[in-house]
Amino acid sequence: MAKCVAVVCYLTVVGWLIAFVIYGNNKSSLSSFHLRQSLGLIVTGCLLSFIPLIGWLLNLGVIVGWFYGLYYAVKGMESAVPILGQFYQQHLDFIR
């Protein structure tokens, strides 16, 4: 079930919410890791979308990070997204 939650959380904001609800009954380190990574990417993408041109271009990096996180979620492994992954793990620690 943990791998399912890890994968679903990368499928849009609605997918993240569904994964978070499922996670409430089936807590695991893999699930919480990917919930934090995915939420971090969602917030970063939203914030960058408010910056014209440069932010939109940087959102391409968020998309690469999304694929990176999804790939490792499918494999059932914990690997932080490049550049901001450790930041997400430290500062989104309310997801345990």
N, C-alpha and C. Protein backbone atom coordinates (compact mmCIF):
# COMPACT_ATOMS: atom_id res chain seq x y z
N MET A 1 0.82 -1.20 0.00
CA MET A 1 0.00 0.00 0.00
C MET A 1 0.86 1.27 0.00
N ALA A 2 2.04 1.20 0.63
CA ALA A 2 2.92 2.36 0.69
C ALA A 2 3.37 2.79 -0.70
N LYS A 3 3.68 1.83 -1.55
CA LYS A 3 4.11 2.14 -2.91
C LYS A 3 2.98 2.79 -3.70
N CYS A 4 1.76 2.34 -3.48
CA CYS A 4 0.59 2.91 -4.14
C CYS A 4 0.42 4.38 -3.74
N VAL A 5 0.53 4.67 -2.46
CA VAL A 5 0.43 6.04 -1.97
C VAL A 5 1.54 6.90 -2.57
N ALA A 6 2.76 6.34 -2.62
CA ALA A 6 3.90 7.08 -3.15
C ALA A 6 3.68 7.45 -4.62
N VAL A 7 3.11 6.57 -5.39
CA VAL A 7 2.88 6.85 -6.81
C VAL A 7 1.71 7.81 -7.00
N VAL A 8 0.61 7.59 -6.30
CA VAL A 8 -0.59 8.41 -6.47
C VAL A 8 -0.34 9.87 -6.08
N CYS A 9 0.53 10.11 -5.12
CA CYS A 9 0.75 11.50 -4.67
C CYS A 9 1.37 12.37 -5.76
N TYR A 10 1.96 11.77 -6.78
CA TYR A 10 2.52 12.55 -7.89
C TYR A 10 1.51 12.83 -8.99
N LEU A 11 0.30 12.33 -8.86
CA LEU A 11 -0.71 12.50 -9.91
C LEU A 11 -1.62 13.68 -9.59
N THR A 12 -1.17 14.86 -9.84
CA THR A 12 -1.87 16.13 -9.63
C THR A 12 -2.15 16.41 -8.15
N VAL A 13 -2.70 17.55 -7.88
CA VAL A 13 -3.03 17.95 -6.51
C VAL A 13 -4.13 17.05 -5.95
N VAL A 14 -5.08 16.68 -6.78
CA VAL A 14 -6.15 15.78 -6.34
C VAL A 14 -5.55 14.43 -5.95
N GLY A 15 -4.62 13.94 -6.75
CA GLY A 15 -3.94 12.69 -6.42
C GLY A 15 -3.19 12.79 -5.11
N TRP A 16 -2.58 13.95 -4.87
CA TRP A 16 -1.86 14.14 -3.60
C TRP A 16 -2.84 14.08 -2.43
N LEU A 17 -3.99 14.73 -2.57
CA LEU A 17 -5.00 14.70 -1.50
C LEU A 17 -5.52 13.29 -1.24
N ILE A 18 -5.77 12.55 -2.31
CA ILE A 18 -6.22 11.16 -2.16
C ILE A 18 -5.14 10.34 -1.47
N ALA A 19 -3.89 10.50 -1.89
CA ALA A 19 -2.78 9.77 -1.27
C ALA A 19 -2.64 10.13 0.20
N PHE A 20 -2.85 11.40 0.54
CA PHE A 20 -2.74 11.83 1.93
C PHE A 20 -3.82 11.19 2.79
N VAL A 21 -5.02 11.08 2.25
CA VAL A 21 -6.12 10.43 2.99
C VAL A 21 -5.82 8.94 3.19
N ILE A 22 -5.35 8.29 2.13
CA ILE A 22 -4.99 6.88 2.24
C ILE A 22 -3.84 6.70 3.23
N TYR A 23 -2.89 7.62 3.20
CA TYR A 23 -1.73 7.57 4.08
C TYR A 23 -2.12 7.62 5.56
N GLY A 24 -3.21 8.31 5.87
CA GLY A 24 -3.67 8.40 7.25
C GLY A 24 -3.92 7.04 7.88
N ASN A 25 -4.31 6.06 7.09
CA ASN A 25 -4.57 4.71 7.60
C ASN A 25 -3.39 3.76 7.42
N ASN A 26 -2.46 4.10 6.53
CA ASN A 26 -1.35 3.22 6.20
C ASN A 26 -0.03 3.98 6.19
N LYS A 27 0.44 4.38 7.35
CA LYS A 27 1.65 5.19 7.43
C LYS A 27 2.89 4.35 7.21
N SER A 28 3.82 4.90 6.42
CA SER A 28 5.12 4.26 6.21
C SER A 28 6.11 5.34 5.84
N SER A 29 7.39 5.03 5.97
CA SER A 29 8.42 6.02 5.66
C SER A 29 8.45 6.33 4.16
N LEU A 30 8.19 5.32 3.33
CA LEU A 30 8.17 5.55 1.88
C LEU A 30 7.05 6.51 1.50
N SER A 31 5.88 6.30 2.06
CA SER A 31 4.74 7.17 1.77
C SER A 31 5.00 8.60 2.21
N SER A 32 5.45 8.76 3.44
CA SER A 32 5.68 10.12 3.95
C SER A 32 6.79 10.82 3.18
N PHE A 33 7.83 10.08 2.80
CA PHE A 33 8.92 10.67 2.01
C PHE A 33 8.38 11.25 0.71
N HIS A 34 7.62 10.45 -0.04
CA HIS A 34 7.14 10.91 -1.34
C HIS A 34 6.01 11.94 -1.21
N LEU A 35 5.24 11.89 -0.15
CA LEU A 35 4.24 12.95 0.08
C LEU A 35 4.94 14.29 0.28
N ARG A 36 6.03 14.30 1.04
CA ARG A 36 6.78 15.55 1.25
C ARG A 36 7.41 16.03 -0.06
N GLN A 37 8.02 15.13 -0.82
CA GLN A 37 8.64 15.52 -2.08
C GLN A 37 7.60 16.09 -3.05
N SER A 38 6.49 15.42 -3.19
CA SER A 38 5.45 15.85 -4.11
C SER A 38 4.84 17.19 -3.69
N LEU A 39 4.56 17.34 -2.41
CA LEU A 39 4.01 18.62 -1.94
C LEU A 39 5.00 19.75 -2.17
N GLY A 40 6.27 19.49 -1.94
CA GLY A 40 7.29 20.50 -2.20
C GLY A 40 7.32 20.91 -3.66
N LEU A 41 7.23 19.95 -4.55
CA LEU A 41 7.22 20.26 -5.98
C LEU A 41 5.96 21.04 -6.37
N ILE A 42 4.83 20.69 -5.79
CA ILE A 42 3.58 21.41 -6.07
C ILE A 42 3.69 22.86 -5.63
N VAL A 43 4.16 23.09 -4.42
CA VAL A 43 4.29 24.46 -3.90
C VAL A 43 5.31 25.25 -4.71
N THR A 44 6.45 24.63 -5.01
CA THR A 44 7.47 25.31 -5.81
C THR A 44 6.93 25.68 -7.19
N GLY A 45 6.23 24.76 -7.82
CA GLY A 45 5.65 25.03 -9.13
C GLY A 45 4.65 26.16 -9.10
N CYS A 46 3.82 26.18 -8.06
CA CYS A 46 2.83 27.26 -7.92
C CYS A 46 3.50 28.61 -7.72
N LEU A 47 4.52 28.65 -6.87
CA LEU A 47 5.21 29.91 -6.61
C LEU A 47 5.94 30.41 -7.86
N LEU A 48 6.58 29.51 -8.58
CA LEU A 48 7.30 29.91 -9.79
C LEU A 48 6.35 30.38 -10.89
N SER A 49 5.13 29.91 -10.90
CA SER A 49 4.20 30.30 -11.96
C SER A 49 3.81 31.77 -11.86
N PHE A 50 4.05 32.40 -10.72
CA PHE A 50 3.72 33.82 -10.56
C PHE A 50 4.83 34.74 -11.08
N ILE A 51 6.00 34.17 -11.42
CA ILE A 51 7.11 34.97 -11.93
C ILE A 51 7.12 34.84 -13.45
N PRO A 52 6.81 35.93 -14.15
CA PRO A 52 6.74 35.84 -15.61
C PRO A 52 8.07 35.41 -16.24
N LEU A 53 8.01 34.66 -17.27
CA LEU A 53 9.08 34.16 -18.10
C LEU A 53 10.13 33.32 -17.35
N ILE A 54 10.88 33.92 -16.45
CA ILE A 54 11.93 33.17 -15.74
C ILE A 54 11.31 32.06 -14.89
N GLY A 55 10.27 32.39 -14.17
CA GLY A 55 9.59 31.38 -13.35
C GLY A 55 8.98 30.28 -14.19
N TRP A 56 8.45 30.67 -15.33
CA TRP A 56 7.86 29.68 -16.23
C TRP A 56 8.93 28.73 -16.76
N LEU A 57 10.10 29.28 -17.07
CA LEU A 57 11.21 28.43 -17.53
C LEU A 57 11.73 27.54 -16.41
N LEU A 58 11.79 28.07 -15.20
CA LEU A 58 12.24 27.26 -14.07
C LEU A 58 11.26 26.14 -13.74
N ASN A 59 10.01 26.34 -14.12
CA ASN A 59 9.02 25.28 -13.91
C ASN A 59 9.33 24.04 -14.73
N LEU A 60 10.14 24.18 -15.78
CA LEU A 60 10.60 23.00 -16.51
C LEU A 60 11.45 22.12 -15.60
N GLY A 61 12.22 22.74 -14.72
CA GLY A 61 13.00 21.98 -13.73
C GLY A 61 12.09 21.27 -12.74
N VAL A 62 10.98 21.89 -12.40
CA VAL A 62 10.01 21.25 -11.50
C VAL A 62 9.41 20.02 -12.19
N ILE A 63 9.15 20.13 -13.47
CA ILE A 63 8.61 18.98 -14.22
C ILE A 63 9.62 17.84 -14.25
N VAL A 64 10.90 18.17 -14.43
CA VAL A 64 11.95 17.14 -14.39
C VAL A 64 11.99 16.50 -13.01
N GLY A 65 11.89 17.32 -11.97
CA GLY A 65 11.86 16.80 -10.59
C GLY A 65 10.66 15.92 -10.35
N TRP A 66 9.54 16.27 -10.94
CA TRP A 66 8.32 15.46 -10.81
C TRP A 66 8.53 14.08 -11.42
N PHE A 67 9.10 14.03 -12.64
CA PHE A 67 9.39 12.74 -13.27
C PHE A 67 10.39 11.93 -12.44
N TYR A 68 11.39 12.61 -11.90
CA TYR A 68 12.40 11.96 -11.05
C TYR A 68 11.74 11.32 -9.83
N GLY A 69 10.90 12.08 -9.15
CA GLY A 69 10.21 11.57 -7.97
C GLY A 69 9.26 10.43 -8.32
N LEU A 70 8.53 10.57 -9.41
CA LEU A 70 7.60 9.53 -9.83
C LEU A 70 8.34 8.25 -10.17
N TYR A 71 9.47 8.37 -10.85
CA TYR A 71 10.28 7.20 -11.21
C TYR A 71 10.69 6.42 -9.96
N TYR A 72 11.19 7.12 -8.94
CA TYR A 72 11.64 6.44 -7.73
C TYR A 72 10.46 5.94 -6.89
N ALA A 73 9.32 6.59 -7.00
CA ALA A 73 8.12 6.10 -6.30
C ALA A 73 7.67 4.77 -6.91
N VAL A 74 7.69 4.68 -8.23
CA VAL A 74 7.32 3.45 -8.91
C VAL A 74 8.28 2.32 -8.54
N LYS A 75 9.57 2.66 -8.40
CA LYS A 75 10.56 1.66 -8.01
C LYS A 75 10.48 1.30 -6.52
N GLY A 76 9.77 2.11 -5.75
CA GLY A 76 9.65 1.86 -4.31
C GLY A 76 10.87 2.28 -3.53
N MET A 77 11.57 3.29 -4.03
CA MET A 77 12.80 3.77 -3.39
C MET A 77 12.64 5.22 -2.94
N GLU A 78 13.43 5.60 -1.95
CA GLU A 78 13.46 6.99 -1.48
C GLU A 78 14.70 7.67 -2.05
N SER A 79 14.49 8.62 -2.93
CA SER A 79 15.57 9.41 -3.49
C SER A 79 15.06 10.83 -3.65
N ALA A 80 15.70 11.76 -2.96
CA ALA A 80 15.26 13.15 -2.97
C ALA A 80 15.46 13.78 -4.34
N VAL A 81 14.52 14.63 -4.74
CA VAL A 81 14.66 15.33 -6.02
C VAL A 81 15.88 16.24 -5.95
N PRO A 82 16.55 16.44 -7.10
CA PRO A 82 17.74 17.28 -7.10
C PRO A 82 17.45 18.71 -6.64
N ILE A 83 18.42 19.32 -6.04
CA ILE A 83 18.47 20.70 -5.58
C ILE A 83 17.60 20.95 -4.34
N LEU A 84 16.31 20.77 -4.40
CA LEU A 84 15.43 21.13 -3.28
C LEU A 84 14.91 19.95 -2.47
N GLY A 85 15.23 18.74 -2.84
CA GLY A 85 14.67 17.56 -2.18
C GLY A 85 14.95 17.48 -0.69
N GLN A 86 16.17 17.76 -0.29
CA GLN A 86 16.50 17.73 1.14
C GLN A 86 15.80 18.87 1.89
N PHE A 87 15.65 20.00 1.24
CA PHE A 87 14.91 21.13 1.83
C PHE A 87 13.47 20.72 2.11
N TYR A 88 12.85 20.03 1.15
CA TYR A 88 11.48 19.56 1.34
C TYR A 88 11.39 18.60 2.52
N GLN A 89 12.35 17.70 2.64
CA GLN A 89 12.32 16.72 3.72
C GLN A 89 12.44 17.40 5.09
N GLN A 90 13.25 18.43 5.17
CA GLN A 90 13.46 19.12 6.45
C GLN A 90 12.28 20.01 6.83
N HIS A 91 11.73 20.71 5.86
CA HIS A 91 10.75 21.74 6.18
C HIS A 91 9.29 21.31 6.03
N LEU A 92 9.06 20.16 5.46
CA LEU A 92 7.69 19.64 5.39
C LEU A 92 7.56 18.43 6.31
N ASP A 93 8.19 18.56 7.47
CA ASP A 93 8.26 17.44 8.41
C ASP A 93 6.97 17.21 9.18
N PHE A 94 5.94 18.00 8.92
CA PHE A 94 4.65 17.75 9.57
C PHE A 94 3.99 16.50 9.00
N ILE A 95 4.47 16.02 7.86
CA ILE A 95 4.00 14.76 7.28
C ILE A 95 4.93 13.68 7.82
N ARG A 96 4.46 12.92 8.79
CA ARG A 96 5.31 11.90 9.43
C ARG A 96 4.78 10.54 9.16
